[in-house]
Protein backbone atom coordinates (compact mmCIF):
# COMPACT_ATOMS: atom_id res chain seq x y z
CA MET A 1 -5.85 13.98 1.05
CA ALA A 2 -4.84 10.61 2.75
CA VAL A 3 -6.15 9.67 6.00
CA ARG A 4 -5.96 6.62 8.37
CA THR A 5 -9.05 5.43 10.43
CA HIS A 6 -9.24 2.48 12.90
CA LEU A 7 -12.57 0.96 13.64
CA PHE A 8 -14.09 -1.49 16.07
CA ILE A 9 -17.49 -2.66 14.93
CA SER A 10 -19.84 -4.56 17.21
CA GLY A 11 -23.06 -6.47 16.91
CA GLU A 12 -23.83 -9.56 14.90
CA VAL A 13 -20.67 -9.31 12.81
CA GLN A 14 -18.77 -12.71 12.77
CA GLY A 15 -19.79 -15.55 10.86
CA VAL A 16 -21.93 -13.43 8.55
CA GLY A 17 -19.37 -12.45 5.78
CA PHE A 18 -18.66 -9.04 7.23
CA ARG A 19 -15.01 -9.24 6.79
CA TRP A 20 -15.26 -10.43 2.98
CA ALA A 21 -17.60 -7.61 2.40
CA VAL A 22 -15.41 -5.20 3.73
CA GLU A 23 -12.47 -6.57 1.80
CA ASP A 24 -14.36 -6.37 -1.48
CA LYS A 25 -15.58 -2.81 -0.97
CA ALA A 26 -12.05 -1.51 0.10
CA ARG A 27 -10.32 -3.11 -2.92
CA ALA A 28 -13.02 -1.75 -5.26
CA ALA A 29 -12.35 1.77 -3.47
CA ASP A 30 -8.67 1.58 -3.59
CA ILE A 31 -8.30 1.54 0.15
CA THR A 32 -5.49 -0.14 1.85
CA GLY A 33 -5.50 -1.72 5.34
CA TRP A 34 -6.99 -4.79 6.99
CA VAL A 35 -9.90 -6.18 8.79
CA ARG A 36 -10.05 -8.95 11.41
CA ASN A 37 -12.32 -10.74 13.88
CA LEU A 38 -11.60 -10.17 17.62
CA PRO A 39 -11.97 -12.93 20.30
CA ASP A 40 -14.77 -10.74 21.84
CA GLY A 41 -17.05 -10.96 18.91
CA ARG A 42 -16.30 -7.49 17.50
CA VAL A 43 -14.61 -6.76 14.02
CA GLU A 44 -11.53 -4.61 14.00
CA ALA A 45 -10.43 -2.75 10.75
CA VAL A 46 -7.96 -0.08 9.56
CA PHE A 47 -8.43 1.83 6.40
CA GLU A 48 -5.91 4.09 4.82
CA GLY A 49 -6.46 6.13 1.64
CA ASP A 50 -8.50 9.04 0.10
CA GLU A 51 -10.49 10.73 2.67
CA GLU A 52 -13.71 10.47 0.81
CA GLN A 53 -13.32 6.76 0.02
CA VAL A 54 -12.41 6.03 3.67
CA GLN A 55 -15.55 7.84 4.88
CA ARG A 56 -17.62 5.74 2.47
CA MET A 57 -16.01 2.53 3.87
CA ILE A 58 -17.11 3.80 7.56
CA GLU A 59 -20.52 4.28 6.42
CA PHE A 60 -20.65 0.83 4.81
CA CYS A 61 -19.32 -0.51 8.22
CA ARG A 62 -22.24 1.09 9.97
CA ARG A 63 -24.59 -0.86 7.86
CA GLY A 64 -22.63 -3.97 7.06
CA PRO A 65 -23.82 -6.65 4.63
CA THR A 66 -27.26 -7.61 4.68
CA THR A 67 -26.47 -10.67 6.85
CA ALA A 68 -24.87 -8.66 9.51
CA ARG A 69 -26.62 -6.57 12.41
CA VAL A 70 -24.31 -3.66 13.34
CA GLU A 71 -24.96 -2.26 16.83
CA ASP A 72 -22.05 0.17 17.19
CA VAL A 73 -18.93 1.37 15.23
CA GLN A 74 -16.18 3.06 17.25
CA VAL A 75 -14.16 5.30 14.89
CA ILE A 76 -10.77 6.35 15.73
CA PRO A 77 -8.89 8.68 13.39
CA GLU A 78 -5.12 8.09 13.38
CA GLU A 79 -2.24 9.74 11.81
CA TYR A 80 -1.84 8.40 8.07
CA SER A 81 1.31 6.15 7.98
CA GLY A 82 1.18 4.77 4.48
CA GLU A 83 2.43 1.36 5.76
CA CYS A 84 -0.38 -0.56 4.21
CA THR A 85 0.24 -1.42 0.59
CA ALA A 86 -2.96 -3.50 -0.07
CA PHE A 87 -6.12 -4.55 1.74
CA SER A 88 -6.23 -7.92 3.51
CA ILE A 89 -8.33 -10.07 6.02
CA LEU A 90 -6.03 -10.75 9.00
CA ARG A 91 -6.58 -14.17 10.70
């Protein structure tokens, strides 16, 4: 079953390779969507794909790469749209 999830990740998550790590994991898991830094220091991401793979991405975001320190992850389920055709880092 395909799902879509919108995340807001806070903590020490900018300038530590968080977006690149998310991109690598998402592409390896065949997840589509995007990830970007927000002006307030958080990272925002949207994942679309197989429910189990999306859940694995959420769990990864709760930990982040070893260089990050994740304090909180807000997870917002959304209706699957299929609008994303690849995974990218937005700037």
